[in-house]
Amino acid sequence: MEEVLNNLEISIDRASCFKGNNMIFENISYSVKNSEMMLIMGPNGCGKTTFIKSICGIQKLESGSIKLNSIDINSDSSEHLNNILYIGHKNSLNNDLTVFENLEYLCAFDKSVDSIPEQEIKKSLEYFGIAKFKDYLVSKISEGNKKKTSLARLLLSKKKIWLLDEPLSFIDSEGNVKILDLFNKHITNGGLIILSSHIDISKDVTNTKKYYMGNS
């Protein structure tokens, strides 16, 4: 199992991103530390998803930098991949595998997990109330339950940094309560969360800092 960092700071310095001739976002500077959540808000098309992808290294910047503990995430010496759990807006699930098999597969690629935790997977599905769907093909369950399946990884991974793109989309009110409880526990335990959302949850999660993209 890879060691996860205990002391964390993500620092974003004058970050700008272009696709073709289109500016997606420009000159963003911000920092987030242990026990803090950064809530990114703004209208559709303002670049929230691209910004989240930039922080985990999927999307390259045109200029500026993103660093974890003063080391650029694009550096060979960066430990960001060992410490970041990224769950995108589009669920990273295989429609031809069952709910349980998907989580087994994703755990196998998470170096913070010692081994494929069968009992822990079952508990994570029970937490979200979807244990009865564990043997269903993902293609046969609702969008809300697909999202809950993806978010079950929050209970399985030991990574301290969560990068989440619209984690509350398609989620019912009961699921929202459970997710917010996970966020608060993670922050209390020294974790760091960066997420995008159309819903202002800043009053529901301790130590939340808001960043608005676009004109809203």
N, C-alpha and C. Protein backbone atom coordinates (compact mmCIF):
# COMPACT_ATOMS: atom_id res chain seq x y z
N MET A 1 0.84 -1.19 0.00
CA MET A 1 0.00 0.00 0.00
C MET A 1 0.88 1.24 0.00
N GLU A 2 0.58 2.20 -0.85
CA GLU A 2 1.31 3.45 -0.89
C GLU A 2 1.02 4.27 0.37
N GLU A 3 2.05 4.93 0.87
CA GLU A 3 1.85 5.82 2.01
C GLU A 3 1.10 7.07 1.56
N VAL A 4 0.13 7.48 2.35
CA VAL A 4 -0.58 8.72 2.04
C VAL A 4 -0.03 9.83 2.93
N LEU A 5 0.00 11.04 2.38
CA LEU A 5 0.52 12.18 3.12
C LEU A 5 -0.47 12.62 4.19
N ASN A 6 0.06 13.07 5.32
CA ASN A 6 -0.80 13.57 6.39
C ASN A 6 -0.95 15.09 6.32
N ASN A 7 0.12 15.79 5.98
CA ASN A 7 0.07 17.24 5.86
C ASN A 7 -0.06 17.61 4.40
N LEU A 8 -1.11 18.36 4.09
CA LEU A 8 -1.45 18.60 2.69
C LEU A 8 -1.71 20.08 2.43
N GLU A 9 -1.26 20.55 1.28
CA GLU A 9 -1.68 21.86 0.77
C GLU A 9 -1.64 21.83 -0.74
N ILE A 10 -2.76 22.13 -1.35
CA ILE A 10 -2.80 22.32 -2.80
C ILE A 10 -2.80 23.82 -3.05
N SER A 11 -1.80 24.27 -3.79
CA SER A 11 -1.69 25.69 -4.10
C SER A 11 -1.79 25.89 -5.61
N ILE A 12 -2.68 26.77 -5.99
CA ILE A 12 -2.96 27.07 -7.40
C ILE A 12 -2.50 28.50 -7.64
N ASP A 13 -1.57 28.68 -8.59
CA ASP A 13 -0.97 29.98 -8.81
C ASP A 13 -1.15 30.43 -10.25
N ARG A 14 -2.01 31.42 -10.47
CA ARG A 14 -2.23 32.05 -11.77
C ARG A 14 -2.49 31.01 -12.87
N ALA A 15 -3.32 30.05 -12.55
CA ALA A 15 -3.60 28.95 -13.48
C ALA A 15 -4.54 29.41 -14.59
N SER A 16 -4.16 29.10 -15.84
CA SER A 16 -4.99 29.42 -16.99
C SER A 16 -5.03 28.21 -17.92
N CYS A 17 -6.18 28.01 -18.56
CA CYS A 17 -6.34 26.85 -19.44
C CYS A 17 -7.09 27.29 -20.70
N PHE A 18 -6.57 26.87 -21.84
CA PHE A 18 -7.21 27.14 -23.13
C PHE A 18 -7.44 25.82 -23.85
N LYS A 19 -8.51 25.74 -24.60
CA LYS A 19 -8.74 24.63 -25.53
C LYS A 19 -8.92 25.24 -26.90
N GLY A 20 -7.95 24.97 -27.80
CA GLY A 20 -7.96 25.65 -29.08
C GLY A 20 -7.74 27.14 -28.84
N ASN A 21 -8.63 27.94 -29.34
CA ASN A 21 -8.56 29.39 -29.13
C ASN A 21 -9.48 29.87 -28.03
N ASN A 22 -10.11 28.92 -27.34
CA ASN A 22 -11.08 29.28 -26.31
C ASN A 22 -10.46 29.25 -24.91
N MET A 23 -10.61 30.34 -24.20
CA MET A 23 -10.16 30.38 -22.82
C MET A 23 -11.20 29.68 -21.93
N ILE A 24 -10.77 28.66 -21.20
CA ILE A 24 -11.68 27.94 -20.31
C ILE A 24 -11.70 28.60 -18.94
N PHE A 25 -10.54 28.88 -18.40
CA PHE A 25 -10.44 29.69 -17.18
C PHE A 25 -9.09 30.40 -17.21
N GLU A 26 -8.97 31.47 -16.43
CA GLU A 26 -7.77 32.29 -16.53
C GLU A 26 -7.39 32.86 -15.17
N ASN A 27 -6.09 32.77 -14.88
CA ASN A 27 -5.48 33.48 -13.75
C ASN A 27 -6.13 33.15 -12.41
N ILE A 28 -6.35 31.85 -12.16
CA ILE A 28 -6.91 31.43 -10.88
C ILE A 28 -5.78 31.19 -9.87
N SER A 29 -5.88 31.81 -8.72
CA SER A 29 -4.95 31.57 -7.61
C SER A 29 -5.76 31.24 -6.37
N TYR A 30 -5.39 30.15 -5.71
CA TYR A 30 -6.15 29.71 -4.54
C TYR A 30 -5.31 28.67 -3.81
N SER A 31 -5.63 28.42 -2.56
CA SER A 31 -4.95 27.36 -1.82
C SER A 31 -5.94 26.68 -0.87
N VAL A 32 -5.74 25.39 -0.69
CA VAL A 32 -6.58 24.59 0.21
C VAL A 32 -5.66 23.68 1.01
N LYS A 33 -5.95 23.56 2.31
CA LYS A 33 -5.11 22.76 3.20
C LYS A 33 -5.93 21.66 3.86
N ASN A 34 -5.22 20.87 4.67
CA ASN A 34 -5.87 19.86 5.50
C ASN A 34 -7.10 20.43 6.20
N SER A 35 -8.13 19.62 6.31
CA SER A 35 -9.34 19.98 7.05
C SER A 35 -10.08 21.17 6.46
N GLU A 36 -9.93 21.34 5.12
CA GLU A 36 -10.66 22.38 4.41
C GLU A 36 -11.33 21.78 3.18
N MET A 37 -12.45 22.40 2.79
CA MET A 37 -13.09 22.06 1.54
C MET A 37 -13.19 23.29 0.66
N MET A 38 -12.86 23.13 -0.61
CA MET A 38 -13.01 24.18 -1.61
C MET A 38 -14.23 23.83 -2.46
N LEU A 39 -15.24 24.67 -2.39
CA LEU A 39 -16.47 24.47 -3.16
C LEU A 39 -16.43 25.39 -4.38
N ILE A 40 -16.41 24.79 -5.57
CA ILE A 40 -16.35 25.53 -6.81
C ILE A 40 -17.76 25.63 -7.38
N MET A 41 -18.22 26.87 -7.58
CA MET A 41 -19.56 27.10 -8.09
C MET A 41 -19.50 27.98 -9.33
N GLY A 42 -20.58 27.94 -10.11
CA GLY A 42 -20.66 28.76 -11.31
C GLY A 42 -21.60 28.12 -12.32
N PRO A 43 -21.97 28.87 -13.36
CA PRO A 43 -22.94 28.37 -14.33
C PRO A 43 -22.36 27.28 -15.22
N ASN A 44 -23.22 26.55 -15.92
CA ASN A 44 -22.76 25.55 -16.88
C ASN A 44 -21.84 26.20 -17.91
N GLY A 45 -20.76 25.50 -18.24
CA GLY A 45 -19.84 26.01 -19.25
C GLY A 45 -18.80 26.97 -18.76
N CYS A 46 -18.75 27.22 -17.45
CA CYS A 46 -17.78 28.18 -16.92
C CYS A 46 -16.40 27.56 -16.69
N GLY A 47 -16.28 26.23 -16.82
CA GLY A 47 -14.98 25.57 -16.70
C GLY A 47 -14.74 24.80 -15.43
N LYS A 48 -15.79 24.53 -14.66
CA LYS A 48 -15.62 23.82 -13.38
C LYS A 48 -15.01 22.43 -13.59
N THR A 49 -15.54 21.69 -14.56
CA THR A 49 -15.03 20.33 -14.81
C THR A 49 -13.58 20.35 -15.26
N THR A 50 -13.26 21.26 -16.17
CA THR A 50 -11.88 21.38 -16.66
C THR A 50 -10.94 21.76 -15.52
N PHE A 51 -11.40 22.64 -14.63
CA PHE A 51 -10.58 23.05 -13.50
C PHE A 51 -10.29 21.87 -12.58
N ILE A 52 -11.31 21.08 -12.27
CA ILE A 52 -11.13 19.89 -11.44
C ILE A 52 -10.12 18.93 -12.10
N LYS A 53 -10.28 18.73 -13.41
CA LYS A 53 -9.36 17.84 -14.13
C LYS A 53 -7.93 18.37 -14.11
N SER A 54 -7.79 19.68 -14.12
CA SER A 54 -6.45 20.28 -14.06
C SER A 54 -5.78 19.98 -12.72
N ILE A 55 -6.55 20.01 -11.65
CA ILE A 55 -5.98 19.79 -10.33
C ILE A 55 -5.48 18.36 -10.17
N CYS A 56 -6.13 17.42 -10.85
CA CYS A 56 -5.64 16.03 -10.74
C CYS A 56 -4.70 15.66 -11.89
N GLY A 57 -4.37 16.62 -12.76
CA GLY A 57 -3.36 16.40 -13.78
C GLY A 57 -3.85 15.85 -15.09
N ILE A 58 -5.16 15.68 -15.24
CA ILE A 58 -5.71 15.16 -16.50
C ILE A 58 -5.66 16.22 -17.59
N GLN A 59 -5.99 17.45 -17.22
CA GLN A 59 -5.98 18.58 -18.15
C GLN A 59 -4.75 19.44 -17.90
N LYS A 60 -3.98 19.71 -18.93
CA LYS A 60 -2.77 20.54 -18.79
C LYS A 60 -3.13 22.02 -18.82
N LEU A 61 -2.36 22.80 -18.09
CA LEU A 61 -2.53 24.24 -18.06
C LEU A 61 -1.80 24.89 -19.23
N GLU A 62 -2.31 26.03 -19.64
CA GLU A 62 -1.60 26.86 -20.60
C GLU A 62 -0.49 27.64 -19.89
N SER A 63 -0.81 28.10 -18.68
CA SER A 63 0.17 28.83 -17.88
C SER A 63 -0.20 28.71 -16.41
N GLY A 64 0.73 29.10 -15.55
CA GLY A 64 0.50 28.97 -14.12
C GLY A 64 0.89 27.59 -13.62
N SER A 65 0.56 27.32 -12.36
CA SER A 65 0.96 26.04 -11.77
C SER A 65 -0.03 25.56 -10.73
N ILE A 66 -0.02 24.26 -10.52
CA ILE A 66 -0.78 23.63 -9.44
C ILE A 66 0.20 22.73 -8.69
N LYS A 67 0.32 22.96 -7.39
CA LYS A 67 1.32 22.24 -6.61
C LYS A 67 0.68 21.53 -5.43
N LEU A 68 1.23 20.38 -5.10
CA LEU A 68 0.89 19.67 -3.86
C LEU A 68 2.11 19.74 -2.97
N ASN A 69 1.95 20.39 -1.82
CA ASN A 69 3.06 20.57 -0.88
C ASN A 69 4.30 21.14 -1.58
N SER A 70 4.08 22.20 -2.36
CA SER A 70 5.13 22.97 -3.02
C SER A 70 5.80 22.25 -4.19
N ILE A 71 5.30 21.07 -4.57
CA ILE A 71 5.86 20.35 -5.71
C ILE A 71 4.82 20.33 -6.82
N ASP A 72 5.20 20.78 -8.01
CA ASP A 72 4.29 20.81 -9.15
C ASP A 72 3.76 19.41 -9.43
N ILE A 73 2.45 19.30 -9.66
CA ILE A 73 1.85 17.98 -9.86
C ILE A 73 2.35 17.30 -11.13
N ASN A 74 2.95 18.06 -12.05
CA ASN A 74 3.50 17.47 -13.26
C ASN A 74 4.94 17.01 -13.10
N SER A 75 5.50 17.25 -11.92
CA SER A 75 6.87 16.82 -11.64
C SER A 75 6.92 15.32 -11.37
N ASP A 76 8.03 14.69 -11.76
CA ASP A 76 8.20 13.26 -11.49
C ASP A 76 8.24 12.95 -10.01
N SER A 77 8.57 13.95 -9.20
CA SER A 77 8.66 13.73 -7.75
C SER A 77 7.35 14.00 -7.03
N SER A 78 6.32 14.40 -7.77
CA SER A 78 5.04 14.69 -7.14
C SER A 78 4.37 13.41 -6.64
N GLU A 79 3.71 13.51 -5.49
CA GLU A 79 3.00 12.37 -4.92
C GLU A 79 1.48 12.53 -5.05
N HIS A 80 1.05 13.37 -5.99
CA HIS A 80 -0.38 13.67 -6.07
C HIS A 80 -1.20 12.45 -6.47
N LEU A 81 -0.67 11.60 -7.34
CA LEU A 81 -1.45 10.44 -7.79
C LEU A 81 -1.69 9.45 -6.65
N ASN A 82 -0.76 9.38 -5.71
CA ASN A 82 -0.91 8.48 -4.57
C ASN A 82 -1.86 9.02 -3.52
N ASN A 83 -2.22 10.30 -3.63
CA ASN A 83 -3.00 10.94 -2.58
C ASN A 83 -4.34 11.49 -3.03
N ILE A 84 -4.62 11.44 -4.35
CA ILE A 84 -5.85 12.01 -4.87
C ILE A 84 -6.83 10.92 -5.31
N LEU A 85 -8.07 11.04 -4.83
CA LEU A 85 -9.17 10.23 -5.32
C LEU A 85 -10.06 11.14 -6.17
N TYR A 86 -10.10 10.87 -7.45
CA TYR A 86 -10.89 11.68 -8.39
C TYR A 86 -12.13 10.91 -8.82
N ILE A 87 -13.29 11.53 -8.65
CA ILE A 87 -14.55 10.96 -9.14
C ILE A 87 -15.20 12.03 -10.00
N GLY A 88 -15.25 11.77 -11.30
CA GLY A 88 -15.74 12.75 -12.25
C GLY A 88 -17.25 12.80 -12.34
N HIS A 89 -17.72 13.77 -13.11
CA HIS A 89 -19.16 13.94 -13.32
C HIS A 89 -19.75 12.72 -14.03
N LYS A 90 -19.00 12.19 -15.00
CA LYS A 90 -19.41 10.96 -15.66
C LYS A 90 -18.86 9.79 -14.87
N ASN A 91 -19.74 8.89 -14.47
CA ASN A 91 -19.33 7.79 -13.60
C ASN A 91 -18.33 6.87 -14.32
N SER A 92 -17.22 6.60 -13.65
CA SER A 92 -16.19 5.73 -14.23
C SER A 92 -16.54 4.27 -13.97
N LEU A 93 -17.67 3.84 -14.53
CA LEU A 93 -18.16 2.49 -14.29
C LEU A 93 -18.30 1.75 -15.61
N ASN A 94 -18.10 0.46 -15.55
CA ASN A 94 -18.24 -0.41 -16.72
C ASN A 94 -19.65 -1.00 -16.73
N ASN A 95 -20.42 -0.66 -17.75
CA ASN A 95 -21.81 -1.12 -17.84
C ASN A 95 -21.94 -2.63 -17.91
N ASP A 96 -20.87 -3.32 -18.32
CA ASP A 96 -20.93 -4.77 -18.49
C ASP A 96 -20.50 -5.53 -17.24
N LEU A 97 -20.18 -4.79 -16.17
CA LEU A 97 -19.85 -5.42 -14.89
C LEU A 97 -20.96 -5.10 -13.89
N THR A 98 -21.06 -5.92 -12.86
CA THR A 98 -22.04 -5.65 -11.81
C THR A 98 -21.55 -4.49 -10.94
N VAL A 99 -22.45 -4.01 -10.10
CA VAL A 99 -22.10 -2.96 -9.14
C VAL A 99 -20.91 -3.40 -8.29
N PHE A 100 -20.99 -4.61 -7.74
CA PHE A 100 -19.92 -5.13 -6.88
C PHE A 100 -18.63 -5.30 -7.66
N GLU A 101 -18.70 -5.85 -8.87
CA GLU A 101 -17.51 -6.06 -9.69
C GLU A 101 -16.82 -4.75 -10.04
N ASN A 102 -17.61 -3.70 -10.29
CA ASN A 102 -17.02 -2.40 -10.58
C ASN A 102 -16.18 -1.90 -9.41
N LEU A 103 -16.71 -2.03 -8.19
CA LEU A 103 -15.96 -1.55 -7.03
C LEU A 103 -14.73 -2.43 -6.77
N GLU A 104 -14.84 -3.72 -7.01
CA GLU A 104 -13.66 -4.60 -6.91
C GLU A 104 -12.57 -4.13 -7.86
N TYR A 105 -12.98 -3.85 -9.09
CA TYR A 105 -12.04 -3.43 -10.13
C TYR A 105 -11.37 -2.11 -9.77
N LEU A 106 -12.16 -1.13 -9.32
CA LEU A 106 -11.62 0.17 -8.98
C LEU A 106 -10.71 0.10 -7.75
N CYS A 107 -11.06 -0.75 -6.80
CA CYS A 107 -10.20 -0.93 -5.62
C CYS A 107 -8.85 -1.53 -6.00
N ALA A 108 -8.85 -2.40 -7.01
CA ALA A 108 -7.61 -3.05 -7.44
C ALA A 108 -6.60 -2.04 -7.98
N PHE A 109 -7.10 -0.90 -8.46
CA PHE A 109 -6.22 0.12 -9.01
C PHE A 109 -5.92 1.24 -8.01
N ASP A 110 -6.48 1.16 -6.83
CA ASP A 110 -6.26 2.17 -5.79
C ASP A 110 -5.15 1.67 -4.87
N LYS A 111 -3.98 2.29 -4.98
CA LYS A 111 -2.83 1.81 -4.24
C LYS A 111 -2.91 2.10 -2.75
N SER A 112 -3.92 2.86 -2.33
CA SER A 112 -4.09 3.09 -0.89
C SER A 112 -4.87 1.97 -0.22
N VAL A 113 -5.39 1.04 -1.02
CA VAL A 113 -6.16 -0.09 -0.50
C VAL A 113 -5.25 -1.32 -0.49
N ASP A 114 -5.16 -1.98 0.67
CA ASP A 114 -4.26 -3.12 0.82
C ASP A 114 -4.63 -4.28 -0.09
N SER A 115 -5.88 -4.62 -0.15
CA SER A 115 -6.36 -5.73 -0.97
C SER A 115 -7.81 -5.45 -1.30
N ILE A 116 -8.40 -6.28 -2.13
CA ILE A 116 -9.80 -6.07 -2.50
C ILE A 116 -10.68 -6.39 -1.29
N PRO A 117 -11.30 -5.38 -0.70
CA PRO A 117 -11.99 -5.54 0.58
C PRO A 117 -13.45 -5.94 0.41
N GLU A 118 -13.72 -7.21 0.29
CA GLU A 118 -15.08 -7.67 0.00
C GLU A 118 -16.10 -7.19 1.03
N GLN A 119 -15.78 -7.35 2.31
CA GLN A 119 -16.72 -6.92 3.34
C GLN A 119 -16.90 -5.41 3.36
N GLU A 120 -15.81 -4.69 3.12
CA GLU A 120 -15.90 -3.23 3.11
C GLU A 120 -16.74 -2.74 1.93
N ILE A 121 -16.64 -3.43 0.79
CA ILE A 121 -17.47 -3.07 -0.36
C ILE A 121 -18.94 -3.25 -0.02
N LYS A 122 -19.26 -4.35 0.61
CA LYS A 122 -20.65 -4.61 1.00
C LYS A 122 -21.14 -3.52 1.96
N LYS A 123 -20.29 -3.14 2.92
CA LYS A 123 -20.68 -2.10 3.88
C LYS A 123 -20.89 -0.75 3.19
N SER A 124 -20.06 -0.45 2.20
CA SER A 124 -20.19 0.82 1.50
C SER A 124 -21.49 0.88 0.72
N LEU A 125 -21.89 -0.26 0.13
CA LEU A 125 -23.16 -0.32 -0.59
C LEU A 125 -24.34 -0.22 0.38
N GLU A 126 -24.20 -0.83 1.54
CA GLU A 126 -25.25 -0.73 2.56
C GLU A 126 -25.39 0.71 3.04
N TYR A 127 -24.27 1.41 3.17
CA TYR A 127 -24.30 2.80 3.62
C TYR A 127 -25.18 3.64 2.70
N PHE A 128 -25.06 3.42 1.41
CA PHE A 128 -25.84 4.18 0.44
C PHE A 128 -27.18 3.53 0.09
N GLY A 129 -27.51 2.45 0.76
CA GLY A 129 -28.80 1.80 0.55
C GLY A 129 -28.96 1.11 -0.78
N ILE A 130 -27.85 0.65 -1.36
CA ILE A 130 -27.91 0.00 -2.68
C ILE A 130 -27.33 -1.42 -2.65
N ALA A 131 -27.25 -2.01 -1.47
CA ALA A 131 -26.69 -3.36 -1.36
C ALA A 131 -27.51 -4.36 -2.17
N LYS A 132 -28.82 -4.13 -2.30
CA LYS A 132 -29.66 -5.07 -3.04
C LYS A 132 -29.34 -5.08 -4.54
N PHE A 133 -28.61 -4.08 -4.99
CA PHE A 133 -28.25 -4.00 -6.41
C PHE A 133 -26.84 -4.51 -6.69
N LYS A 134 -26.17 -5.10 -5.71
CA LYS A 134 -24.76 -5.43 -5.86
C LYS A 134 -24.48 -6.38 -7.01
N ASP A 135 -25.43 -7.24 -7.34
CA ASP A 135 -25.22 -8.20 -8.43
C ASP A 135 -25.90 -7.78 -9.73
N TYR A 136 -26.40 -6.54 -9.76
CA TYR A 136 -27.00 -6.00 -10.99
C TYR A 136 -25.90 -5.46 -11.89
N LEU A 137 -26.07 -5.65 -13.20
CA LEU A 137 -25.20 -4.95 -14.12
C LEU A 137 -25.43 -3.45 -13.97
N VAL A 138 -24.36 -2.69 -14.06
CA VAL A 138 -24.50 -1.24 -13.92
C VAL A 138 -25.45 -0.67 -14.97
N SER A 139 -25.50 -1.27 -16.13
CA SER A 139 -26.39 -0.80 -17.19
C SER A 139 -27.87 -0.92 -16.80
N LYS A 140 -28.17 -1.68 -15.76
CA LYS A 140 -29.56 -1.94 -15.38
C LYS A 140 -30.02 -1.11 -14.18
N ILE A 141 -29.16 -0.24 -13.65
CA ILE A 141 -29.56 0.54 -12.48
C ILE A 141 -29.73 2.01 -12.88
N SER A 142 -30.38 2.78 -12.03
CA SER A 142 -30.68 4.18 -12.32
C SER A 142 -29.42 5.04 -12.26
N GLU A 143 -29.53 6.27 -12.80
CA GLU A 143 -28.40 7.19 -12.76
C GLU A 143 -28.04 7.54 -11.32
N GLY A 144 -29.04 7.67 -10.47
CA GLY A 144 -28.77 7.96 -9.06
C GLY A 144 -27.99 6.85 -8.39
N ASN A 145 -28.33 5.61 -8.68
CA ASN A 145 -27.63 4.48 -8.08
C ASN A 145 -26.24 4.28 -8.69
N LYS A 146 -26.08 4.68 -9.94
CA LYS A 146 -24.73 4.68 -10.53
C LYS A 146 -23.85 5.68 -9.78
N LYS A 147 -24.41 6.85 -9.51
CA LYS A 147 -23.65 7.86 -8.79
C LYS A 147 -23.30 7.37 -7.38
N LYS A 148 -24.23 6.73 -6.71
CA LYS A 148 -23.95 6.20 -5.37
C LYS A 148 -22.89 5.12 -5.43
N THR A 149 -22.90 4.30 -6.49
CA THR A 149 -21.86 3.28 -6.65
C THR A 149 -20.50 3.93 -6.76
N SER A 150 -20.39 4.98 -7.57
CA SER A 150 -19.12 5.69 -7.70
C SER A 150 -18.68 6.29 -6.37
N LEU A 151 -19.62 6.91 -5.67
CA LEU A 151 -19.29 7.57 -4.41
C LEU A 151 -19.00 6.59 -3.28
N ALA A 152 -19.38 5.33 -3.45
CA ALA A 152 -19.03 4.32 -2.46
C ALA A 152 -17.52 4.20 -2.30
N ARG A 153 -16.78 4.63 -3.31
CA ARG A 153 -15.31 4.62 -3.24
C ARG A 153 -14.80 5.52 -2.12
N LEU A 154 -15.57 6.52 -1.73
CA LEU A 154 -15.14 7.41 -0.64
C LEU A 154 -14.99 6.65 0.66
N LEU A 155 -15.73 5.56 0.80
CA LEU A 155 -15.67 4.74 2.02
C LEU A 155 -14.59 3.67 1.94
N LEU A 156 -14.03 3.48 0.75
CA LEU A 156 -13.08 2.39 0.53
C LEU A 156 -11.63 2.87 0.42
N SER A 157 -11.44 4.02 -0.19
CA SER A 157 -10.09 4.54 -0.40
C SER A 157 -9.56 5.21 0.86
N LYS A 158 -8.25 5.15 1.04
CA LYS A 158 -7.60 5.84 2.16
C LYS A 158 -6.95 7.15 1.71
N LYS A 159 -7.17 7.54 0.48
CA LYS A 159 -6.56 8.77 -0.02
C LYS A 159 -7.17 9.98 0.68
N LYS A 160 -6.32 10.97 0.96
CA LYS A 160 -6.74 12.10 1.79
C LYS A 160 -7.35 13.24 0.98
N ILE A 161 -7.04 13.30 -0.33
CA ILE A 161 -7.55 14.39 -1.16
C ILE A 161 -8.67 13.86 -2.05
N TRP A 162 -9.85 14.45 -1.92
CA TRP A 162 -10.98 14.07 -2.77
C TRP A 162 -11.24 15.18 -3.77
N LEU A 163 -11.20 14.84 -5.05
CA LEU A 163 -11.56 15.76 -6.13
C LEU A 163 -12.84 15.24 -6.76
N LEU A 164 -13.91 15.98 -6.61
CA LEU A 164 -15.23 15.48 -6.97
C LEU A 164 -15.94 16.49 -7.87
N ASP A 165 -16.40 16.00 -9.03
CA ASP A 165 -17.10 16.87 -9.98
C ASP A 165 -18.59 16.57 -9.91
N GLU A 166 -19.35 17.53 -9.39
CA GLU A 166 -20.81 17.41 -9.25
C GLU A 166 -21.23 16.11 -8.54
N PRO A 167 -20.72 15.86 -7.34
CA PRO A 167 -21.04 14.61 -6.65
C PRO A 167 -22.50 14.48 -6.22
N LEU A 168 -23.22 15.59 -6.15
CA LEU A 168 -24.61 15.55 -5.67
C LEU A 168 -25.62 15.42 -6.81
N SER A 169 -25.16 15.40 -8.05
CA SER A 169 -26.10 15.28 -9.16
C SER A 169 -26.72 13.88 -9.17
N PHE A 170 -28.02 13.82 -9.44
CA PHE A 170 -28.82 12.59 -9.51
C PHE A 170 -29.05 11.93 -8.14
N ILE A 171 -28.62 12.59 -7.06
CA ILE A 171 -28.72 11.99 -5.73
C ILE A 171 -29.99 12.47 -5.04
N ASP A 172 -30.71 11.53 -4.40
CA ASP A 172 -31.92 11.89 -3.66
C ASP A 172 -31.56 12.54 -2.33
N SER A 173 -32.57 13.04 -1.63
CA SER A 173 -32.33 13.80 -0.40
C SER A 173 -31.65 12.94 0.67
N GLU A 174 -32.06 11.69 0.79
CA GLU A 174 -31.42 10.81 1.78
C GLU A 174 -29.96 10.59 1.45
N GLY A 175 -29.67 10.40 0.17
CA GLY A 175 -28.28 10.23 -0.26
C GLY A 175 -27.46 11.48 -0.01
N ASN A 176 -28.06 12.66 -0.21
CA ASN A 176 -27.36 13.92 0.06
C ASN A 176 -26.91 14.01 1.51
N VAL A 177 -27.80 13.63 2.42
CA VAL A 177 -27.46 13.67 3.85
C VAL A 177 -26.26 12.78 4.14
N LYS A 178 -26.24 11.60 3.55
CA LYS A 178 -25.14 10.66 3.79
C LYS A 178 -23.83 11.17 3.20
N ILE A 179 -23.91 11.79 2.03
CA ILE A 179 -22.71 12.33 1.40
C ILE A 179 -22.15 13.49 2.21
N LEU A 180 -23.02 14.39 2.65
CA LEU A 180 -22.55 15.52 3.45
C LEU A 180 -21.94 15.04 4.76
N ASP A 181 -22.48 13.97 5.32
CA ASP A 181 -21.90 13.41 6.54
C ASP A 181 -20.50 12.88 6.26
N LEU A 182 -20.31 12.24 5.11
CA LEU A 182 -18.97 11.76 4.73
C LEU A 182 -18.00 12.93 4.57
N PHE A 183 -18.47 14.01 3.94
CA PHE A 183 -17.61 15.18 3.76
C PHE A 183 -17.16 15.72 5.11
N ASN A 184 -18.09 15.87 6.05
CA ASN A 184 -17.74 16.40 7.36
C ASN A 184 -16.77 15.49 8.11
N LYS A 185 -16.96 14.20 8.02
CA LYS A 185 -16.05 13.26 8.69
C LYS A 185 -14.66 13.33 8.08
N HIS A 186 -14.61 13.44 6.75
CA HIS A 186 -13.31 13.50 6.07
C HIS A 186 -12.56 14.77 6.47
N ILE A 187 -13.26 15.90 6.51
CA ILE A 187 -12.64 17.15 6.92
C ILE A 187 -12.19 17.08 8.38
N THR A 188 -13.02 16.54 9.24
CA THR A 188 -12.68 16.41 10.66
C THR A 188 -11.44 15.53 10.86
N ASN A 189 -11.28 14.52 9.98
CA ASN A 189 -10.15 13.60 10.08
C ASN A 189 -8.91 14.09 9.33
N GLY A 190 -8.92 15.36 8.93
CA GLY A 190 -7.73 15.93 8.31
C GLY A 190 -7.66 15.79 6.81
N GLY A 191 -8.76 15.41 6.19
CA GLY A 191 -8.78 15.30 4.74
C GLY A 191 -8.93 16.66 4.07
N LEU A 192 -8.85 16.64 2.75
CA LEU A 192 -8.97 17.86 1.94
C LEU A 192 -9.91 17.53 0.79
N ILE A 193 -10.89 18.40 0.56
CA ILE A 193 -11.88 18.16 -0.49
C ILE A 193 -11.94 19.36 -1.42
N ILE A 194 -11.91 19.09 -2.72
CA ILE A 194 -12.20 20.10 -3.72
C ILE A 194 -13.33 19.55 -4.58
N LEU A 195 -14.44 20.28 -4.64
CA LEU A 195 -15.56 19.77 -5.42
C LEU A 195 -16.29 20.88 -6.13
N SER A 196 -16.93 20.51 -7.24
CA SER A 196 -17.80 21.45 -7.95
C SER A 196 -19.24 21.06 -7.67
N SER A 197 -20.11 22.07 -7.62
CA SER A 197 -21.52 21.79 -7.37
C SER A 197 -22.35 23.00 -7.78
N HIS A 198 -23.58 22.72 -8.23
CA HIS A 198 -24.55 23.78 -8.45
C HIS A 198 -25.28 24.13 -7.15
N ILE A 199 -25.09 23.28 -6.14
CA ILE A 199 -25.77 23.46 -4.86
C ILE A 199 -24.79 24.05 -3.85
N ASP A 200 -25.20 25.12 -3.20
CA ASP A 200 -24.34 25.75 -2.20
C ASP A 200 -24.45 24.97 -0.88
N ILE A 201 -23.43 24.15 -0.62
CA ILE A 201 -23.42 23.33 0.59
C ILE A 201 -22.42 23.88 1.61
N SER A 202 -22.01 25.13 1.42
CA SER A 202 -20.97 25.71 2.28
C SER A 202 -21.37 25.75 3.75
N LYS A 203 -22.69 25.88 4.01
CA LYS A 203 -23.14 25.92 5.40
C LYS A 203 -23.34 24.52 5.99
N ASP A 204 -23.26 23.51 5.13
CA ASP A 204 -23.48 22.13 5.58
C ASP A 204 -22.19 21.37 5.85
N VAL A 205 -21.07 21.91 5.40
CA VAL A 205 -19.78 21.24 5.58
C VAL A 205 -18.82 22.21 6.25
N THR A 206 -18.22 21.77 7.33
CA THR A 206 -17.33 22.62 8.10
C THR A 206 -16.12 23.05 7.28
N ASN A 207 -15.61 24.25 7.58
CA ASN A 207 -14.38 24.78 6.96
C ASN A 207 -14.43 24.79 5.44
N THR A 208 -15.55 25.27 4.90
CA THR A 208 -15.71 25.35 3.45
C THR A 208 -15.36 26.74 2.94
N LYS A 209 -14.55 26.76 1.87
CA LYS A 209 -14.20 27.99 1.18
C LYS A 209 -14.84 27.94 -0.22
N LYS A 210 -15.54 29.01 -0.61
CA LYS A 210 -16.21 29.02 -1.92
C LYS A 210 -15.37 29.77 -2.95
N TYR A 211 -15.40 29.23 -4.16
CA TYR A 211 -14.77 29.92 -5.29
C TYR A 211 -15.75 29.94 -6.44
N TYR A 212 -16.07 31.13 -6.93
CA TYR A 212 -17.03 31.28 -8.02
C TYR A 212 -16.29 31.44 -9.35
N MET A 213 -16.72 30.64 -10.33
CA MET A 213 -16.19 30.76 -11.68
C MET A 213 -17.27 31.39 -12.57
N GLY A 214 -16.85 32.10 -13.59
CA GLY A 214 -17.81 32.75 -14.46
C GLY A 214 -18.31 34.03 -13.83
N ASN A 215 -19.51 34.41 -14.21
CA ASN A 215 -20.06 35.70 -13.78
C ASN A 215 -21.02 35.61 -12.61
N SER A 216 -21.25 34.38 -12.08
CA SER A 216 -22.21 34.27 -11.00
C SER A 216 -21.54 34.01 -9.68
